[in-house]
Amino acid sequence: MTGLPFPSVPDTKRAEILEGFVRTHRARFEAALAEVLPMPEGLPPALPRAAAAALGVKGNPGSRWRPLLTLAAARACGGDDSSALPVALAVELTHTASLILDDLPSMDDSSLRRSRAATHLEVGTGGAILLALSLLGRSAELLGSIPRSGGALAAEWGGAFGIAGMCGGQAVDLTGAFAAGGSPRRLHRKKTTGLSEFALKGAAIAVGAPQATESGLARFGRDLGWAYQLADDADDWAEDGQFGKGPAGRAPRRQSRRLLIRSLGTLRSTPGLDQEGRTLLEALAERTAGVDPERPEAEPDHQRWGMTA
């Protein structure tokens, strides 16, 4: 690829690998997600409906880029990706819980999510909080049930979501302290990068990959998560009219591109990955970030998944 210090697989082959993987594994993942959250008898009927809507199992599913990366990473490590399916499910459940909490009046106070009413408008603030907690509880169950690595995965997941991860990043976001830079800015990034890092690292742990592979995939996921967030924010700001396509508008996109290139460099130097799996992860990363690493002037294409994230 132009501008990257290493050779790449031809675009046609990359596209073939990517589309074949997404077509097969996306359908499999959606089927598993639809069955993953048991709803006991006696619940208010609105809660199961709200859960299905929030998870997107009956429409508006989002891109699912995090769980797809989990399954792709397991495959790239030479493992059976079915071993990482509980990790992929936990990643999406955790992501959905974070969206429900983000939308609350005490947080971002959003009324819409993926073109639907936010969960708290359907079941009330209390119902939304309890539903988010149930998704997190189910995530812990899924991870803890994985033979041999369940304890390690649950510990990593707790760190990713907890006060040193996503929750801490949200706390900094609420106060605006990240604008001062330094440690608040670094923690703020964990709001996004905590889960993307776990999505990749968790796959390596689930299939028993070596420590060096696990560490490389974690760094890849962290940089990719922030590249995605910068490009996504740039799109949102442009839609809101906060900036256009001038130099100020291009700055986050340039930074997103740099982070994507850095993440790809990390990926290609990570040991223990087979070549086709590495190529698949590269292609997924580029589609996720919506930034073409070969064309710094190109506008981001966050609709390449055909849906919102």
C-alpha atoms as a PDB file:
ATOM      1  CA  MET A   1       0.000   0.000   0.000  1.00  0.00           C
ATOM      2  CA  THR A   2       1.282   3.430  -0.878  1.00  0.00           C
ATOM      3  CA  GLY A   3       2.672   5.276   2.136  1.00  0.00           C
ATOM      4  CA  LEU A   4       2.988   2.134   4.280  1.00  0.00           C
ATOM      5  CA  PRO A   5       6.421   0.593   4.927  1.00  0.00           C
ATOM      6  CA  PHE A   6       5.485  -2.970   4.011  1.00  0.00           C
ATOM      7  CA  PRO A   7       3.937  -4.924   1.142  1.00  0.00           C
ATOM      8  CA  SER A   8       0.246  -5.695   0.978  1.00  0.00           C
ATOM      9  CA  VAL A   9      -2.070  -8.249  -0.604  1.00  0.00           C
ATOM     10  CA  PRO A  10      -3.708  -7.087  -3.878  1.00  0.00           C
ATOM     11  CA  ASP A  11      -6.953  -5.211  -3.364  1.00  0.00           C
ATOM     12  CA  THR A  12      -9.074  -7.789  -5.185  1.00  0.00           C
ATOM     13  CA  LYS A  13      -7.819 -10.583  -2.953  1.00  0.00           C
ATOM     14  CA  ARG A  14      -8.296  -8.466   0.168  1.00  0.00           C
ATOM     15  CA  ALA A  15     -11.866  -7.676  -0.842  1.00  0.00           C
ATOM     16  CA  GLU A  16     -12.576 -11.344  -1.502  1.00  0.00           C
ATOM     17  CA  ILE A  17     -11.239 -12.379   1.916  1.00  0.00           C
ATOM     18  CA  LEU A  18     -13.120  -9.602   3.702  1.00  0.00           C
ATOM     19  CA  GLU A  19     -16.498 -10.063   2.038  1.00  0.00           C
ATOM     20  CA  GLY A  20     -16.413 -13.822   2.430  1.00  0.00           C
ATOM     21  CA  PHE A  21     -15.638 -13.528   6.133  1.00  0.00           C
ATOM     22  CA  VAL A  22     -18.257 -10.866   6.841  1.00  0.00           C
ATOM     23  CA  ARG A  23     -20.955 -12.717   4.914  1.00  0.00           C
ATOM     24  CA  THR A  24     -20.402 -15.944   6.847  1.00  0.00           C
ATOM     25  CA  HIS A  25     -19.539 -14.706  10.303  1.00  0.00           C
ATOM     26  CA  ARG A  26     -21.947 -11.803  10.470  1.00  0.00           C
ATOM     27  CA  ALA A  27     -24.925 -14.117   9.986  1.00  0.00           C
ATOM     28  CA  ARG A  28     -23.575 -16.566  12.541  1.00  0.00           C
ATOM     29  CA  PHE A  29     -22.969 -13.812  15.060  1.00  0.00           C
ATOM     30  CA  GLU A  30     -26.447 -12.311  14.621  1.00  0.00           C
ATOM     31  CA  ALA A  31     -28.044 -15.697  15.237  1.00  0.00           C
ATOM     32  CA  ALA A  32     -26.030 -16.193  18.426  1.00  0.00           C
ATOM     33  CA  LEU A  33     -26.770 -12.670  19.661  1.00  0.00           C
ATOM     34  CA  ALA A  34     -30.508 -13.189  19.238  1.00  0.00           C
ATOM     35  CA  GLU A  35     -30.313 -16.143  21.638  1.00  0.00           C
ATOM     36  CA  VAL A  36     -27.787 -14.855  24.152  1.00  0.00           C
ATOM     37  CA  LEU A  37     -29.997 -12.909  26.559  1.00  0.00           C
ATOM     38  CA  PRO A  38     -32.535 -15.153  28.307  1.00  0.00           C
ATOM     39  CA  MET A  39     -35.641 -13.303  29.433  1.00  0.00           C
ATOM     40  CA  PRO A  40     -37.324 -14.952  32.450  1.00  0.00           C
ATOM     41  CA  GLU A  41     -41.058 -15.111  32.849  1.00  0.00           C
ATOM     42  CA  GLY A  42     -42.588 -12.360  34.908  1.00  0.00           C
ATOM     43  CA  LEU A  43     -40.674  -9.427  33.432  1.00  0.00           C
ATOM     44  CA  PRO A  44     -42.620  -6.375  32.291  1.00  0.00           C
ATOM     45  CA  PRO A  45     -43.192  -6.967  28.530  1.00  0.00           C
ATOM     46  CA  ALA A  46     -41.496  -3.678  27.646  1.00  0.00           C
ATOM     47  CA  LEU A  47     -38.100  -4.885  28.879  1.00  0.00           C
ATOM     48  CA  PRO A  48     -37.606  -7.776  26.414  1.00  0.00           C
ATOM     49  CA  ARG A  49     -38.746  -5.515  23.593  1.00  0.00           C
ATOM     50  CA  ALA A  50     -36.336  -2.799  24.692  1.00  0.00           C
ATOM     51  CA  ALA A  51     -33.496  -5.318  24.948  1.00  0.00           C
ATOM     52  CA  ALA A  52     -34.101  -6.585  21.421  1.00  0.00           C
ATOM     53  CA  ALA A  53     -34.228  -3.018  20.109  1.00  0.00           C
ATOM     54  CA  ALA A  54     -31.068  -1.958  21.935  1.00  0.00           C
ATOM     55  CA  LEU A  55     -29.147  -5.000  20.705  1.00  0.00           C
ATOM     56  CA  GLY A  56     -30.447  -4.497  17.177  1.00  0.00           C
ATOM     57  CA  VAL A  57     -31.504  -8.120  16.767  1.00  0.00           C
ATOM     58  CA  LYS A  58     -34.682  -7.088  14.939  1.00  0.00           C
ATOM     59  CA  GLY A  59     -33.324  -4.238  12.850  1.00  0.00           C
ATOM     60  CA  ASN A  60     -30.779  -1.389  13.055  1.00  0.00           C
ATOM     61  CA  PRO A  61     -27.994  -3.668  14.260  1.00  0.00           C
ATOM     62  CA  GLY A  62     -25.048  -1.323  13.863  1.00  0.00           C
ATOM     63  CA  SER A  63     -21.821  -2.325  12.168  1.00  0.00           C
ATOM     64  CA  ARG A  64     -20.735  -5.020  14.677  1.00  0.00           C
ATOM     65  CA  TRP A  65     -17.130  -4.130  13.859  1.00  0.00           C
ATOM     66  CA  ARG A  66     -15.873  -4.984  17.342  1.00  0.00           C
ATOM     67  CA  PRO A  67     -17.173  -8.580  17.518  1.00  0.00           C
ATOM     68  CA  LEU A  68     -16.181  -9.170  13.899  1.00  0.00           C
ATOM     69  CA  LEU A  69     -12.631  -8.129  14.785  1.00  0.00           C
ATOM     70  CA  THR A  70     -12.749 -10.536  17.739  1.00  0.00           C
ATOM     71  CA  LEU A  71     -13.683 -13.465  15.517  1.00  0.00           C
ATOM     72  CA  ALA A  72     -11.162 -12.445  12.858  1.00  0.00           C
ATOM     73  CA  ALA A  73      -8.387 -12.156  15.450  1.00  0.00           C
ATOM     74  CA  ALA A  74      -9.112 -15.650  16.774  1.00  0.00           C
ATOM     75  CA  ARG A  75      -8.881 -16.972  13.244  1.00  0.00           C
ATOM     76  CA  ALA A  76      -5.650 -15.039  12.583  1.00  0.00           C
ATOM     77  CA  CYS A  77      -4.112 -16.597  15.713  1.00  0.00           C
ATOM     78  CA  GLY A  78      -4.763 -20.018  14.224  1.00  0.00           C
ATOM     79  CA  GLY A  79      -7.494 -20.820  16.724  1.00  0.00           C
ATOM     80  CA  ASP A  80     -11.048 -22.008  16.319  1.00  0.00           C
ATOM     81  CA  ASP A  81     -13.085 -18.821  16.111  1.00  0.00           C
ATOM     82  CA  SER A  82     -15.983 -20.571  17.857  1.00  0.00           C
ATOM     83  CA  SER A  83     -13.806 -20.439  20.994  1.00  0.00           C
ATOM     84  CA  ALA A  84     -13.914 -16.655  20.766  1.00  0.00           C
ATOM     85  CA  LEU A  85     -17.654 -16.373  20.069  1.00  0.00           C
ATOM     86  CA  PRO A  86     -18.504 -15.800  23.776  1.00  0.00           C
ATOM     87  CA  VAL A  87     -15.925 -12.980  23.780  1.00  0.00           C
ATOM     88  CA  ALA A  88     -17.473 -11.446  20.671  1.00  0.00           C
ATOM     89  CA  LEU A  89     -20.930 -11.631  22.242  1.00  0.00           C
ATOM     90  CA  ALA A  90     -19.693 -10.097  25.497  1.00  0.00           C
ATOM     91  CA  VAL A  91     -18.059  -7.279  23.530  1.00  0.00           C
ATOM     92  CA  GLU A  92     -21.331  -6.410  21.786  1.00  0.00           C
ATOM     93  CA  LEU A  93     -23.389  -6.717  24.982  1.00  0.00           C
ATOM     94  CA  THR A  94     -20.955  -4.405  26.747  1.00  0.00           C
ATOM     95  CA  HIS A  95     -21.023  -1.929  23.881  1.00  0.00           C
ATOM     96  CA  THR A  96     -24.830  -1.910  23.940  1.00  0.00           C
ATOM     97  CA  ALA A  97     -24.874  -1.390  27.715  1.00  0.00           C
ATOM     98  CA  SER A  98     -22.570   1.591  27.299  1.00  0.00           C
ATOM     99  CA  LEU A  99     -24.884   3.111  24.677  1.00  0.00           C
ATOM    100  CA  ILE A 100     -27.918   2.715  26.940  1.00  0.00           C
ATOM    101  CA  LEU A 101     -26.060   4.423  29.774  1.00  0.00           C
ATOM    102  CA  ASP A 102     -24.629   7.149  27.522  1.00  0.00           C
ATOM    103  CA  ASP A 103     -28.122   8.132  26.385  1.00  0.00           C
ATOM    104  CA  LEU A 104     -29.501   8.667  29.916  1.00  0.00           C
ATOM    105  CA  PRO A 105     -30.606  12.194  30.913  1.00  0.00           C
ATOM    106  CA  SER A 106     -27.811  12.266  33.509  1.00  0.00           C
ATOM    107  CA  MET A 107     -25.228  11.443  30.835  1.00  0.00           C
ATOM    108  CA  ASP A 108     -25.490  12.630  27.207  1.00  0.00           C
ATOM    109  CA  ASP A 109     -29.286  13.011  27.372  1.00  0.00           C
ATOM    110  CA  SER A 110     -29.951  11.574  23.909  1.00  0.00           C
ATOM    111  CA  SER A 111     -33.446  10.843  22.656  1.00  0.00           C
ATOM    112  CA  LEU A 112     -32.450   8.761  19.625  1.00  0.00           C
ATOM    113  CA  ARG A 113     -30.198   5.784  19.069  1.00  0.00           C
ATOM    114  CA  ARG A 114     -29.831   4.249  15.605  1.00  0.00           C
ATOM    115  CA  SER A 115     -32.985   6.039  14.425  1.00  0.00           C
ATOM    116  CA  ARG A 116     -35.019   4.615  17.318  1.00  0.00           C
ATOM    117  CA  ALA A 117     -36.130   6.060  20.625  1.00  0.00           C
ATOM    118  CA  ALA A 118     -33.429   5.758  23.269  1.00  0.00           C
ATOM    119  CA  THR A 119     -33.972   2.905  25.718  1.00  0.00           C
ATOM    120  CA  HIS A 120     -34.814   5.139  28.687  1.00  0.00           C
ATOM    121  CA  LEU A 121     -37.690   6.649  26.710  1.00  0.00           C
ATOM    122  CA  GLU A 122     -39.160   3.162  26.247  1.00  0.00           C
ATOM    123  CA  VAL A 123     -38.727   1.731  29.752  1.00  0.00           C
ATOM    124  CA  GLY A 124     -37.848   4.707  31.937  1.00  0.00           C
ATOM    125  CA  THR A 125     -34.528   5.648  33.467  1.00  0.00           C
ATOM    126  CA  GLY A 126     -34.669   2.889  36.068  1.00  0.00           C
ATOM    127  CA  GLY A 127     -35.556   0.253  33.498  1.00  0.00           C
ATOM    128  CA  ALA A 128     -32.734   1.395  31.224  1.00  0.00           C
ATOM    129  CA  ILE A 129     -30.167   1.197  34.018  1.00  0.00           C
ATOM    130  CA  LEU A 130     -31.332  -2.282  35.010  1.00  0.00           C
ATOM    131  CA  LEU A 131     -31.263  -3.447  31.406  1.00  0.00           C
ATOM    132  CA  ALA A 132     -27.715  -2.145  30.944  1.00  0.00           C
ATOM    133  CA  LEU A 133     -26.640  -3.909  34.141  1.00  0.00           C
ATOM    134  CA  SER A 134     -28.238  -7.142  32.932  1.00  0.00           C
ATOM    135  CA  LEU A 135     -26.213  -6.935  29.710  1.00  0.00           C
ATOM    136  CA  LEU A 136     -23.038  -6.479  31.726  1.00  0.00           C
ATOM    137  CA  GLY A 137     -23.983  -9.370  33.997  1.00  0.00           C
ATOM    138  CA  ARG A 138     -24.553 -11.613  30.997  1.00  0.00           C
ATOM    139  CA  SER A 139     -21.179 -10.547  29.594  1.00  0.00           C
ATOM    140  CA  ALA A 140     -19.493 -11.718  32.802  1.00  0.00           C
ATOM    141  CA  GLU A 141     -21.368 -15.030  32.603  1.00  0.00           C
ATOM    142  CA  LEU A 142     -20.278 -15.630  29.021  1.00  0.00           C
ATOM    143  CA  LEU A 143     -16.634 -14.836  29.682  1.00  0.00           C
ATOM    144  CA  GLY A 144     -16.487 -16.794  32.913  1.00  0.00           C
ATOM    145  CA  SER A 145     -17.868 -19.880  31.172  1.00  0.00           C
ATOM    146  CA  ILE A 146     -14.930 -20.172  28.751  1.00  0.00           C
ATOM    147  CA  PRO A 147     -12.784 -23.168  29.742  1.00  0.00           C
ATOM    148  CA  ARG A 148      -9.284 -22.423  31.064  1.00  0.00           C
ATOM    149  CA  SER A 149      -9.231 -18.716  30.161  1.00  0.00           C
ATOM    150  CA  GLY A 150     -12.532 -17.564  31.699  1.00  0.00           C
ATOM    151  CA  GLY A 151     -10.953 -16.012  34.778  1.00  0.00           C
ATOM    152  CA  ALA A 152      -8.336 -14.093  32.793  1.00  0.00           C
ATOM    153  CA  LEU A 153     -10.956 -12.869  30.340  1.00  0.00           C
ATOM    154  CA  ALA A 154     -13.312 -11.712  33.084  1.00  0.00           C
ATOM    155  CA  ALA A 155     -10.462  -9.791  34.716  1.00  0.00           C
ATOM    156  CA  GLU A 156      -9.502  -8.099  31.443  1.00  0.00           C
ATOM    157  CA  TRP A 157     -13.139  -7.274  30.711  1.00  0.00           C
ATOM    158  CA  GLY A 158     -13.658  -5.755  34.154  1.00  0.00           C
ATOM    159  CA  GLY A 159     -10.646  -3.525  33.636  1.00  0.00           C
ATOM    160  CA  ALA A 160     -11.825  -2.479  30.193  1.00  0.00           C
ATOM    161  CA  PHE A 161     -15.245  -1.410  31.454  1.00  0.00           C
ATOM    162  CA  GLY A 162     -14.320  -0.170  34.922  1.00  0.00           C
ATOM    163  CA  ILE A 163     -13.111   3.101  36.359  1.00  0.00           C
ATOM    164  CA  ALA A 164      -9.702   2.780  34.689  1.00  0.00           C
ATOM    165  CA  GLY A 165     -11.405   2.099  31.360  1.00  0.00           C
ATOM    166  CA  MET A 166     -14.750   3.008  29.802  1.00  0.00           C
ATOM    167  CA  CYS A 167     -16.393   4.277  33.003  1.00  0.00           C
ATOM    168  CA  GLY A 168     -13.433   6.480  33.834  1.00  0.00           C
ATOM    169  CA  GLY A 169     -13.397   7.818  30.292  1.00  0.00           C
ATOM    170  CA  GLN A 170     -17.082   8.685  30.553  1.00  0.00           C
ATOM    171  CA  ALA A 171     -16.508  10.428  33.879  1.00  0.00           C
ATOM    172  CA  VAL A 172     -13.834  12.616  32.308  1.00  0.00           C
ATOM    173  CA  ASP A 173     -16.135  13.243  29.361  1.00  0.00           C
ATOM    174  CA  LEU A 174     -18.924  14.478  31.635  1.00  0.00           C
ATOM    175  CA  THR A 175     -16.660  17.016  33.337  1.00  0.00           C
ATOM    176  CA  GLY A 176     -14.877  18.178  30.197  1.00  0.00           C
ATOM    177  CA  ALA A 177     -11.545  17.762  32.006  1.00  0.00           C
ATOM    178  CA  PHE A 178     -10.016  16.032  28.964  1.00  0.00           C
ATOM    179  CA  ALA A 179      -9.657  19.437  27.282  1.00  0.00           C
ATOM    180  CA  ALA A 180      -6.732  20.187  29.597  1.00  0.00           C
ATOM    181  CA  GLY A 181      -4.737  17.307  28.126  1.00  0.00           C
ATOM    182  CA  GLY A 182      -2.406  15.039  30.076  1.00  0.00           C
ATOM    183  CA  SER A 183      -3.782  12.147  32.117  1.00  0.00           C
ATOM    184  CA  PRO A 184      -7.448  13.242  31.767  1.00  0.00           C
ATOM    185  CA  ARG A 185      -7.120  13.109  27.978  1.00  0.00           C
ATOM    186  CA  ARG A 186      -5.478   9.692  28.116  1.00  0.00           C
ATOM    187  CA  LEU A 187      -8.247   8.370  30.365  1.00  0.00           C
ATOM    188  CA  HIS A 188     -10.912   9.976  28.174  1.00  0.00           C
ATOM    189  CA  ARG A 189      -9.735   7.920  25.227  1.00  0.00           C
ATOM    190  CA  LYS A 190     -10.415   4.748  27.200  1.00  0.00           C
ATOM    191  CA  LYS A 191     -14.141   5.479  26.771  1.00  0.00           C
ATOM    192  CA  THR A 192     -13.660   4.196  23.216  1.00  0.00           C
ATOM    193  CA  THR A 193     -10.379   2.308  23.198  1.00  0.00           C
ATOM    194  CA  GLY A 194     -11.003   0.172  26.284  1.00  0.00           C
ATOM    195  CA  LEU A 195     -13.496  -2.052  24.502  1.00  0.00           C
ATOM    196  CA  SER A 196     -11.740  -2.157  21.129  1.00  0.00           C
ATOM    197  CA  GLU A 197      -8.532  -3.202  22.887  1.00  0.00           C
ATOM    198  CA  PHE A 198     -10.373  -5.934  24.787  1.00  0.00           C
ATOM    199  CA  ALA A 199     -12.082  -7.140  21.588  1.00  0.00           C
ATOM    200  CA  LEU A 200      -8.687  -8.026  20.126  1.00  0.00           C
ATOM    201  CA  LYS A 201      -6.839  -9.040  23.262  1.00  0.00           C
ATOM    202  CA  GLY A 202      -9.761 -11.159  24.423  1.00  0.00           C
ATOM    203  CA  ALA A 203      -9.677 -13.167  21.209  1.00  0.00           C
ATOM    204  CA  ALA A 204      -5.992 -13.946  21.732  1.00  0.00           C
ATOM    205  CA  ILE A 205      -6.601 -15.016  25.338  1.00  0.00           C
ATOM    206  CA  ALA A 206      -9.569 -17.196  24.365  1.00  0.00           C
ATOM    207  CA  VAL A 207      -7.578 -19.225  21.835  1.00  0.00           C
ATOM    208  CA  GLY A 208      -4.402 -19.412  23.927  1.00  0.00           C
ATOM    209  CA  ALA A 209      -2.186 -17.245  21.737  1.00  0.00           C
ATOM    210  CA  PRO A 210       1.337 -16.350  22.957  1.00  0.00           C
ATOM    211  CA  GLN A 211       1.869 -13.254  25.091  1.00  0.00           C
ATOM    212  CA  ALA A 212       3.599 -11.362  22.267  1.00  0.00           C
ATOM    213  CA  THR A 213       0.627 -11.953  19.981  1.00  0.00           C
ATOM    214  CA  GLU A 214      -1.793 -10.896  22.693  1.00  0.00           C
ATOM    215  CA  SER A 215       0.127  -7.667  23.361  1.00  0.00           C
ATOM    216  CA  GLY A 216       0.409  -6.765  19.677  1.00  0.00           C
ATOM    217  CA  LEU A 217      -3.288  -7.296  19.058  1.00  0.00           C
ATOM    218  CA  ALA A 218      -4.137  -5.182  22.121  1.00  0.00           C
ATOM    219  CA  ARG A 219      -2.094  -2.249  20.761  1.00  0.00           C
ATOM    220  CA  PHE A 220      -3.656  -2.703  17.338  1.00  0.00           C
ATOM    221  CA  GLY A 221      -7.148  -2.594  18.846  1.00  0.00           C
ATOM    222  CA  ARG A 222      -6.376   0.461  20.966  1.00  0.00           C
ATOM    223  CA  ASP A 223      -5.099   2.556  18.038  1.00  0.00           C
ATOM    224  CA  LEU A 224      -7.858   1.377  15.736  1.00  0.00           C
ATOM    225  CA  GLY A 225     -10.509   2.278  18.313  1.00  0.00           C
ATOM    226  CA  TRP A 226      -9.243   5.832  18.535  1.00  0.00           C
ATOM    227  CA  ALA A 227      -8.870   6.126  14.742  1.00  0.00           C
ATOM    228  CA  TYR A 228     -12.519   5.111  14.449  1.00  0.00           C
ATOM    229  CA  GLN A 229     -13.622   7.591  17.110  1.00  0.00           C
ATOM    230  CA  LEU A 230     -11.825  10.546  15.523  1.00  0.00           C
ATOM    231  CA  ALA A 231     -13.296   9.814  12.093  1.00  0.00           C
ATOM    232  CA  ASP A 232     -16.742   9.283  13.583  1.00  0.00           C
ATOM    233  CA  ASP A 233     -16.557  12.552  15.534  1.00  0.00           C
ATOM    234  CA  ALA A 234     -15.426  14.388  12.422  1.00  0.00           C
ATOM    235  CA  ASP A 235     -18.470  13.092  10.549  1.00  0.00           C
ATOM    236  CA  ASP A 236     -20.806  14.105  13.373  1.00  0.00           C
ATOM    237  CA  TRP A 237     -19.341  17.590  13.638  1.00  0.00           C
ATOM    238  CA  ALA A 238     -19.577  18.110   9.905  1.00  0.00           C
ATOM    239  CA  GLU A 239     -23.235  17.033   9.922  1.00  0.00           C
ATOM    240  CA  ASP A 240     -23.918  19.452  12.781  1.00  0.00           C
ATOM    241  CA  GLY A 241     -22.271  22.286  10.877  1.00  0.00           C
ATOM    242  CA  GLN A 242     -19.524  22.772  13.470  1.00  0.00           C
ATOM    243  CA  PHE A 243     -16.929  22.660  10.749  1.00  0.00           C
ATOM    244  CA  GLY A 244     -16.862  21.994   7.062  1.00  0.00           C
ATOM    245  CA  LYS A 245     -14.273  20.521   4.749  1.00  0.00           C
ATOM    246  CA  GLY A 246     -11.565  23.125   5.341  1.00  0.00           C
ATOM    247  CA  PRO A 247      -8.298  22.677   7.278  1.00  0.00           C
ATOM    248  CA  ALA A 248     -10.054  22.500  10.664  1.00  0.00           C
ATOM    249  CA  GLY A 249     -12.332  19.780   9.392  1.00  0.00           C
ATOM    250  CA  ARG A 250      -9.489  17.767   7.952  1.00  0.00           C
ATOM    251  CA  ALA A 251      -7.362  17.740  11.115  1.00  0.00           C
ATOM    252  CA  PRO A 252      -9.220  14.902  12.922  1.00  0.00           C
ATOM    253  CA  ARG A 253      -9.313  12.934   9.682  1.00  0.00           C
ATOM    254  CA  ARG A 254      -5.567  13.284   9.219  1.00  0.00           C
ATOM    255  CA  GLN A 255      -5.029  12.131  12.778  1.00  0.00           C
ATOM    256  CA  SER A 256      -7.389   9.210  12.212  1.00  0.00           C
ATOM    257  CA  ARG A 257      -5.407   8.209   9.149  1.00  0.00           C
ATOM    258  CA  ARG A 258      -2.122   8.389  11.076  1.00  0.00           C
ATOM    259  CA  LEU A 259      -3.543   6.199  13.813  1.00  0.00           C
ATOM    260  CA  LEU A 260      -4.850   3.719  11.263  1.00  0.00           C
ATOM    261  CA  ILE A 261      -1.424   3.500   9.644  1.00  0.00           C
ATOM    262  CA  ARG A 262       0.178   3.027  13.052  1.00  0.00           C
ATOM    263  CA  SER A 263      -2.313   0.300  13.938  1.00  0.00           C
ATOM    264  CA  LEU A 264      -1.593  -1.498  10.660  1.00  0.00           C
ATOM    265  CA  GLY A 265       2.130  -1.254  11.336  1.00  0.00           C
ATOM    266  CA  THR A 266       1.604  -2.813  14.749  1.00  0.00           C
ATOM    267  CA  LEU A 267      -0.518  -5.555  13.243  1.00  0.00           C
ATOM    268  CA  ARG A 268       2.065  -6.448  10.631  1.00  0.00           C
ATOM    269  CA  SER A 269       4.815  -6.665  13.246  1.00  0.00           C
ATOM    270  CA  THR A 270       2.737  -8.805  15.622  1.00  0.00           C
ATOM    271  CA  PRO A 271       4.070 -12.386  15.685  1.00  0.00           C
ATOM    272  CA  GLY A 272       1.941 -15.503  15.613  1.00  0.00           C
ATOM    273  CA  LEU A 273      -0.627 -14.457  12.995  1.00  0.00           C
ATOM    274  CA  ASP A 274      -1.168 -16.297   9.729  1.00  0.00           C
ATOM    275  CA  GLN A 275      -0.981 -14.257   6.528  1.00  0.00           C
ATOM    276  CA  GLU A 276      -4.617 -14.554   5.469  1.00  0.00           C
ATOM    277  CA  GLY A 277      -5.793 -13.698   8.958  1.00  0.00           C
ATOM    278  CA  ARG A 278      -3.512 -10.692   9.068  1.00  0.00           C
ATOM    279  CA  THR A 279      -4.869  -9.541   5.708  1.00  0.00           C
ATOM    280  CA  LEU A 280      -8.428  -9.970   6.978  1.00  0.00           C
ATOM    281  CA  LEU A 281      -7.703  -7.850  10.062  1.00  0.00           C
ATOM    282  CA  GLU A 282      -6.123  -5.152   7.882  1.00  0.00           C
ATOM    283  CA  ALA A 283      -9.175  -4.999   5.646  1.00  0.00           C
ATOM    284  CA  LEU A 284     -11.554  -4.926   8.616  1.00  0.00           C
ATOM    285  CA  ALA A 285      -9.503  -2.117  10.181  1.00  0.00           C
ATOM    286  CA  GLU A 286      -9.634   0.031   7.062  1.00  0.00           C
ATOM    287  CA  ARG A 287     -13.363  -0.443   6.699  1.00  0.00           C
ATOM    288  CA  THR A 288     -13.893   0.248  10.397  1.00  0.00           C
ATOM    289  CA  ALA A 289     -11.934   3.501  10.415  1.00  0.00           C
ATOM    290  CA  GLY A 290     -13.517   4.578   7.151  1.00  0.00           C
ATOM    291  CA  VAL A 291     -10.205   6.152   6.146  1.00  0.00           C
ATOM    292  CA  ASP A 292      -8.177   5.190   3.105  1.00  0.00           C
ATOM    293  CA  PRO A 293      -4.516   5.029   4.227  1.00  0.00           C
ATOM    294  CA  GLU A 294      -3.391   5.499   0.623  1.00  0.00           C
ATOM    295  CA  ARG A 295      -5.385   8.698   0.031  1.00  0.00           C
ATOM    296  CA  PRO A 296      -4.852  11.345   2.717  1.00  0.00           C
ATOM    297  CA  GLU A 297      -7.122  13.777   0.888  1.00  0.00           C
ATOM    298  CA  ALA A 298     -10.105  11.418   0.727  1.00  0.00           C
ATOM    299  CA  GLU A 299     -13.208  12.091   2.784  1.00  0.00           C
ATOM    300  CA  PRO A 300     -13.946   9.389   5.387  1.00  0.00           C
ATOM    301  CA  ASP A 301     -16.493   6.795   4.388  1.00  0.00           C
ATOM    302  CA  HIS A 302     -18.171   5.658   7.588  1.00  0.00           C
ATOM    303  CA  GLN A 303     -21.038   4.147   5.675  1.00  0.00           C
ATOM    304  CA  ARG A 304     -18.891   1.470   4.063  1.00  0.00           C
ATOM    305  CA  TRP A 305     -20.478  -1.024   6.439  1.00  0.00           C
ATOM    306  CA  GLY A 306     -23.868   0.105   5.147  1.00  0.00           C
ATOM    307  CA  MET A 307     -25.071   0.943   8.660  1.00  0.00           C
ATOM    308  CA  THR A 308     -24.222   3.042  11.666  1.00  0.00           C
ATOM    309  CA  ALA A 309     -21.812   1.815  14.304  1.00  0.00           C
END
